[in-house]
């Protein structure tokens, strides 16, 4: 995974990575959402979050 929060990729165009919180259950895990041209492309756990340390459940990864 690329660390910058915003970058340009020749194949994908403008890509942003946003750190946020999952609200699919009561745990409120930290997630990283990758956006391509403003649309969600994938969701993964935030390894820097103190609660879930990068691990998210199926609910969280499905968005």
N, C-alpha and C. Protein backbone atom coordinates (compact mmCIF):
# COMPACT_ATOMS: atom_id res chain seq x y z
N UNK A 1 0.84 -1.18 0.00
CA UNK A 1 0.00 0.00 0.00
C UNK A 1 0.88 1.24 0.00
N UNK A 2 0.53 2.19 -0.79
CA UNK A 2 1.28 3.44 -0.84
C UNK A 2 0.91 4.30 0.36
N UNK A 3 1.89 4.94 0.95
CA UNK A 3 1.67 5.72 2.15
C UNK A 3 1.14 7.13 1.92
N UNK A 4 1.49 7.81 0.83
CA UNK A 4 1.00 9.19 0.66
C UNK A 4 -0.52 9.25 0.65
N UNK A 5 -1.05 10.35 1.12
CA UNK A 5 -2.50 10.50 1.16
C UNK A 5 -3.08 10.90 -0.19
N UNK A 6 -2.24 11.36 -1.10
CA UNK A 6 -2.73 11.72 -2.43
C UNK A 6 -1.59 11.57 -3.43
N UNK A 7 -1.87 10.94 -4.55
CA UNK A 7 -0.85 10.78 -5.58
C UNK A 7 -1.53 10.58 -6.91
N UNK A 8 -0.77 10.65 -7.97
CA UNK A 8 -1.29 10.42 -9.31
C UNK A 8 -0.68 9.14 -9.86
N UNK A 9 -1.48 8.33 -10.48
CA UNK A 9 -1.05 7.08 -11.08
C UNK A 9 -1.45 7.12 -12.54
N UNK A 10 -0.56 6.77 -13.44
CA UNK A 10 -0.86 6.85 -14.87
C UNK A 10 -2.04 5.98 -15.25
N UNK A 11 -2.18 4.83 -14.62
CA UNK A 11 -3.28 3.92 -14.95
C UNK A 11 -4.58 4.27 -14.24
N UNK A 12 -4.48 4.80 -13.02
CA UNK A 12 -5.68 5.02 -12.22
C UNK A 12 -6.12 6.48 -12.17
N UNK A 13 -5.30 7.42 -12.53
CA UNK A 13 -5.66 8.83 -12.41
C UNK A 13 -5.38 9.33 -11.01
N UNK A 14 -6.20 10.27 -10.53
CA UNK A 14 -6.00 10.86 -9.20
C UNK A 14 -6.44 9.87 -8.13
N UNK A 15 -5.55 9.56 -7.21
CA UNK A 15 -5.82 8.60 -6.15
C UNK A 15 -5.59 9.27 -4.80
N UNK A 16 -6.54 9.07 -3.88
CA UNK A 16 -6.42 9.61 -2.52
C UNK A 16 -6.58 8.46 -1.54
N UNK A 17 -5.88 8.55 -0.42
CA UNK A 17 -6.02 7.59 0.67
C UNK A 17 -6.46 8.37 1.90
N UNK A 18 -7.64 8.05 2.42
CA UNK A 18 -8.21 8.76 3.57
C UNK A 18 -8.25 7.84 4.78
N UNK A 19 -7.77 8.32 5.91
CA UNK A 19 -7.90 7.60 7.17
C UNK A 19 -9.19 8.05 7.83
N UNK A 20 -10.01 7.08 8.24
CA UNK A 20 -11.30 7.41 8.85
C UNK A 20 -11.69 6.28 9.80
N UNK A 21 -12.94 6.28 10.23
CA UNK A 21 -13.44 5.30 11.18
C UNK A 21 -14.59 4.52 10.56
N UNK A 22 -14.60 3.22 10.80
CA UNK A 22 -15.68 2.35 10.32
C UNK A 22 -16.87 2.44 11.29
N UNK A 23 -18.07 2.53 10.75
CA UNK A 23 -19.28 2.60 11.57
C UNK A 23 -20.21 1.41 11.32
N UNK A 24 -19.66 0.30 10.83
CA UNK A 24 -20.49 -0.87 10.54
C UNK A 24 -20.89 -1.62 11.81
N UNK A 25 -20.15 -1.42 12.92
CA UNK A 25 -20.53 -2.02 14.20
C UNK A 25 -20.08 -1.09 15.32
N UNK A 26 -20.20 -1.52 16.55
CA UNK A 26 -19.88 -0.67 17.70
C UNK A 26 -18.39 -0.52 17.97
N UNK A 27 -17.54 -1.30 17.33
CA UNK A 27 -16.09 -1.26 17.61
C UNK A 27 -15.42 0.02 17.14
N UNK A 28 -15.88 0.61 16.05
CA UNK A 28 -15.32 1.85 15.49
C UNK A 28 -13.84 1.71 15.15
N UNK A 29 -13.53 0.71 14.34
CA UNK A 29 -12.15 0.45 13.92
C UNK A 29 -11.63 1.53 12.98
N UNK A 30 -10.33 1.69 12.96
CA UNK A 30 -9.70 2.63 12.03
C UNK A 30 -9.54 1.99 10.67
N UNK A 31 -9.88 2.72 9.61
CA UNK A 31 -9.77 2.19 8.25
C UNK A 31 -9.07 3.20 7.35
N UNK A 32 -8.53 2.67 6.25
CA UNK A 32 -7.99 3.50 5.17
C UNK A 32 -8.83 3.24 3.94
N UNK A 33 -9.35 4.31 3.38
CA UNK A 33 -10.20 4.22 2.20
C UNK A 33 -9.42 4.80 1.02
N UNK A 34 -9.28 4.01 -0.04
CA UNK A 34 -8.60 4.47 -1.24
C UNK A 34 -9.64 4.89 -2.25
N UNK A 35 -9.52 6.14 -2.71
CA UNK A 35 -10.45 6.72 -3.68
C UNK A 35 -9.72 6.95 -5.00
N UNK A 36 -10.38 6.61 -6.08
CA UNK A 36 -9.88 6.90 -7.41
C UNK A 36 -10.86 7.83 -8.08
N UNK A 37 -10.40 9.02 -8.44
CA UNK A 37 -11.27 10.04 -9.04
C UNK A 37 -12.52 10.27 -8.18
N UNK A 38 -12.36 10.24 -6.85
CA UNK A 38 -13.44 10.51 -5.92
C UNK A 38 -14.36 9.33 -5.62
N UNK A 39 -14.09 8.16 -6.20
CA UNK A 39 -14.92 6.97 -5.96
C UNK A 39 -14.13 5.95 -5.16
N UNK A 40 -14.81 5.29 -4.23
CA UNK A 40 -14.15 4.29 -3.38
C UNK A 40 -13.70 3.11 -4.23
N UNK A 41 -12.43 2.75 -4.10
CA UNK A 41 -11.87 1.60 -4.81
C UNK A 41 -11.63 0.43 -3.88
N UNK A 42 -11.13 0.69 -2.66
CA UNK A 42 -11.02 -0.37 -1.67
C UNK A 42 -10.87 0.20 -0.27
N UNK A 43 -11.17 -0.67 0.69
CA UNK A 43 -11.13 -0.32 2.11
C UNK A 43 -10.23 -1.33 2.79
N UNK A 44 -9.33 -0.83 3.63
CA UNK A 44 -8.48 -1.74 4.39
C UNK A 44 -8.28 -1.17 5.79
N UNK A 45 -7.82 -2.01 6.70
CA UNK A 45 -7.57 -1.56 8.06
C UNK A 45 -6.42 -0.58 8.13
N UNK A 46 -6.49 0.33 9.09
CA UNK A 46 -5.42 1.31 9.30
C UNK A 46 -4.42 0.72 10.30
N UNK A 47 -3.21 0.40 9.86
CA UNK A 47 -2.23 -0.22 10.76
C UNK A 47 -1.76 0.72 11.88
N UNK A 48 -2.01 2.01 11.76
CA UNK A 48 -1.62 2.98 12.78
C UNK A 48 -2.69 3.20 13.84
N UNK A 49 -3.86 2.59 13.68
CA UNK A 49 -4.96 2.78 14.64
C UNK A 49 -4.70 1.94 15.89
N UNK A 50 -4.83 2.52 17.09
CA UNK A 50 -4.51 1.79 18.32
C UNK A 50 -5.47 0.65 18.66
N UNK A 51 -6.70 0.70 18.19
CA UNK A 51 -7.68 -0.32 18.54
C UNK A 51 -7.52 -1.59 17.70
N UNK A 52 -7.60 -1.46 16.39
CA UNK A 52 -7.61 -2.65 15.53
C UNK A 52 -6.28 -2.94 14.86
N UNK A 53 -5.33 -2.01 14.90
CA UNK A 53 -3.98 -2.22 14.38
C UNK A 53 -3.96 -2.79 12.96
N UNK A 54 -4.86 -2.32 12.12
CA UNK A 54 -4.87 -2.73 10.71
C UNK A 54 -5.79 -3.88 10.36
N UNK A 55 -6.40 -4.49 11.35
CA UNK A 55 -7.29 -5.63 11.09
C UNK A 55 -8.73 -5.12 11.07
N UNK A 56 -9.48 -5.51 10.04
CA UNK A 56 -10.91 -5.19 10.01
C UNK A 56 -11.70 -6.44 9.67
N UNK A 57 -12.95 -6.45 10.07
CA UNK A 57 -13.82 -7.61 9.84
C UNK A 57 -14.43 -7.54 8.44
N UNK A 58 -15.21 -8.55 8.10
CA UNK A 58 -15.85 -8.61 6.79
C UNK A 58 -16.83 -7.45 6.60
N UNK A 59 -17.54 -7.07 7.65
CA UNK A 59 -18.46 -5.93 7.55
C UNK A 59 -17.71 -4.66 7.17
N UNK A 60 -16.60 -4.42 7.85
CA UNK A 60 -15.82 -3.22 7.59
C UNK A 60 -15.20 -3.20 6.21
N UNK A 61 -14.71 -4.32 5.76
CA UNK A 61 -14.07 -4.35 4.44
C UNK A 61 -15.07 -4.27 3.30
N UNK A 62 -16.33 -4.60 3.58
CA UNK A 62 -17.36 -4.52 2.54
C UNK A 62 -17.91 -3.11 2.40
N UNK A 63 -17.66 -2.26 3.38
CA UNK A 63 -18.08 -0.87 3.31
C UNK A 63 -19.50 -0.67 3.62
